Every structure is written in C-alpha cells, then in structure tokens.
Amino acid sequence: MSKKILANDGIDAQGKALLEKAGFTVITEKVAQENLIQAINEHKYIGLTVRSATKVRKDVIDACP
C-alpha cells in the first residue's frame, strides 16, 4: 500500500524530495476546505501538510482515522 501524503498548500521542492526519498508519495493537489474529510478518507492519505491557507479543524481530525 502506498504511503500518501497530501501537501494541500503546496510544499517546497526539497521537502517533497525528502519525503519521497523516505518512501512517501506526495500529492500536491489543492483540496477545498469543505472537501478535506472526504478526500483524506477516499484517497487514504496517511498524512497532511498545510501552511496557512488550510485550517485543520477538530472535525477534520475526528473524521479521519
């Protein structure tokens, strides 16, 4: 199973390269705030990186195992 991380607000090329070297697949597709829960669960992302645009609220954390 692929270890996928959603970099929702983009990611520096060096950071992406480090994650990929560690065996992760980094997805840089932008997902709207209201669709985050569905996208994380549907695509089985094991991690989420954000900067300041995306807010990871309690409802997102609670709904994504």
C-alpha atoms as a PDB file:
ATOM      1  CA  MET A   1       0.000   0.000   0.000  1.00  0.00           C
ATOM      2  CA  SER A   2       1.308   3.416  -0.947  1.00  0.00           C
ATOM      3  CA  LYS A   3       2.085   5.850   1.864  1.00  0.00           C
ATOM      4  CA  LYS A   4       0.421   9.002   0.526  1.00  0.00           C
ATOM      5  CA  ILE A   5       0.689  12.481   1.993  1.00  0.00           C
ATOM      6  CA  LEU A   6      -1.486  15.384   0.889  1.00  0.00           C
ATOM      7  CA  ALA A   7       0.506  18.633   0.720  1.00  0.00           C
ATOM      8  CA  ASN A   8      -2.608  20.757   0.465  1.00  0.00           C
ATOM      9  CA  ASP A   9      -0.989  24.193   0.474  1.00  0.00           C
ATOM     10  CA  GLY A  10       1.961  23.180  -1.661  1.00  0.00           C
ATOM     11  CA  ILE A  11       5.390  22.097  -0.483  1.00  0.00           C
ATOM     12  CA  ASP A  12       8.955  23.179  -1.079  1.00  0.00           C
ATOM     13  CA  ALA A  13      10.751  21.004  -3.642  1.00  0.00           C
ATOM     14  CA  GLN A  14      13.377  19.989  -1.082  1.00  0.00           C
ATOM     15  CA  GLY A  15      10.726  18.934   1.432  1.00  0.00           C
ATOM     16  CA  LYS A  16       8.899  16.929  -1.214  1.00  0.00           C
ATOM     17  CA  ALA A  17      12.139  15.243  -2.277  1.00  0.00           C
ATOM     18  CA  LEU A  18      12.947  14.276   1.327  1.00  0.00           C
ATOM     19  CA  LEU A  19       9.509  12.750   1.838  1.00  0.00           C
ATOM     20  CA  GLU A  20       9.724  10.852  -1.448  1.00  0.00           C
ATOM     21  CA  LYS A  21      13.201   9.571  -0.546  1.00  0.00           C
ATOM     22  CA  ALA A  22      11.661   8.250   2.681  1.00  0.00           C
ATOM     23  CA  GLY A  23       9.120   6.275   0.639  1.00  0.00           C
ATOM     24  CA  PHE A  24       6.125   8.602   0.662  1.00  0.00           C
ATOM     25  CA  THR A  25       4.078   9.663  -2.342  1.00  0.00           C
ATOM     26  CA  VAL A  26       3.422  13.400  -2.066  1.00  0.00           C
ATOM     27  CA  ILE A  27       0.196  14.669  -3.637  1.00  0.00           C
ATOM     28  CA  THR A  28       0.099  18.430  -4.238  1.00  0.00           C
ATOM     29  CA  GLU A  29      -3.477  18.692  -5.499  1.00  0.00           C
ATOM     30  CA  LYS A  30      -5.345  21.507  -3.709  1.00  0.00           C
ATOM     31  CA  VAL A  31      -8.463  20.241  -1.927  1.00  0.00           C
ATOM     32  CA  ALA A  32     -11.084  22.763  -0.806  1.00  0.00           C
ATOM     33  CA  GLN A  33     -11.591  23.040   2.955  1.00  0.00           C
ATOM     34  CA  GLU A  34     -15.134  21.651   2.743  1.00  0.00           C
ATOM     35  CA  ASN A  35     -13.895  18.558   0.844  1.00  0.00           C
ATOM     36  CA  LEU A  36     -10.892  17.684   3.032  1.00  0.00           C
ATOM     37  CA  ILE A  37     -12.560  14.948   5.081  1.00  0.00           C
ATOM     38  CA  GLN A  38     -13.889  13.163   2.016  1.00  0.00           C
ATOM     39  CA  ALA A  39     -10.590  13.444   0.127  1.00  0.00           C
ATOM     40  CA  ILE A  40      -8.438  12.234   3.031  1.00  0.00           C
ATOM     41  CA  ASN A  41     -10.637   9.203   3.652  1.00  0.00           C
ATOM     42  CA  GLU A  42     -11.313   8.404  -0.011  1.00  0.00           C
ATOM     43  CA  HIS A  43      -7.659   8.530  -1.079  1.00  0.00           C
ATOM     44  CA  LYS A  44      -6.396   7.042   2.207  1.00  0.00           C
ATOM     45  CA  TYR A  45      -3.815   9.750   2.859  1.00  0.00           C
ATOM     46  CA  ILE A  46      -1.747   8.915   5.927  1.00  0.00           C
ATOM     47  CA  GLY A  47      -0.548  12.484   6.399  1.00  0.00           C
ATOM     48  CA  LEU A  48      -1.468  16.073   5.665  1.00  0.00           C
ATOM     49  CA  THR A  49       0.822  19.076   5.403  1.00  0.00           C
ATOM     50  CA  VAL A  50      -0.503  22.616   5.392  1.00  0.00           C
ATOM     51  CA  ARG A  51       0.831  26.128   5.563  1.00  0.00           C
ATOM     52  CA  SER A  52      -1.538  28.952   6.418  1.00  0.00           C
ATOM     53  CA  ALA A  53      -4.295  28.602   3.812  1.00  0.00           C
ATOM     54  CA  THR A  54      -5.792  25.327   5.057  1.00  0.00           C
ATOM     55  CA  LYS A  55      -7.205  25.120   8.565  1.00  0.00           C
ATOM     56  CA  VAL A  56      -7.178  21.642  10.092  1.00  0.00           C
ATOM     57  CA  ARG A  57     -10.158  21.889  12.395  1.00  0.00           C
ATOM     58  CA  LYS A  58     -11.272  19.424  15.042  1.00  0.00           C
ATOM     59  CA  ASP A  59     -13.971  17.992  12.768  1.00  0.00           C
ATOM     60  CA  VAL A  60     -11.328  17.053  10.183  1.00  0.00           C
ATOM     61  CA  ILE A  61      -9.099  15.384  12.777  1.00  0.00           C
ATOM     62  CA  ASP A  62     -12.012  13.492  14.346  1.00  0.00           C
ATOM     63  CA  ALA A  63     -13.343  12.260  10.985  1.00  0.00           C
ATOM     64  CA  CYS A  64     -10.042  10.975   9.607  1.00  0.00           C
ATOM     65  CA  PRO A  65      -8.575   7.922  11.340  1.00  0.00           C
END
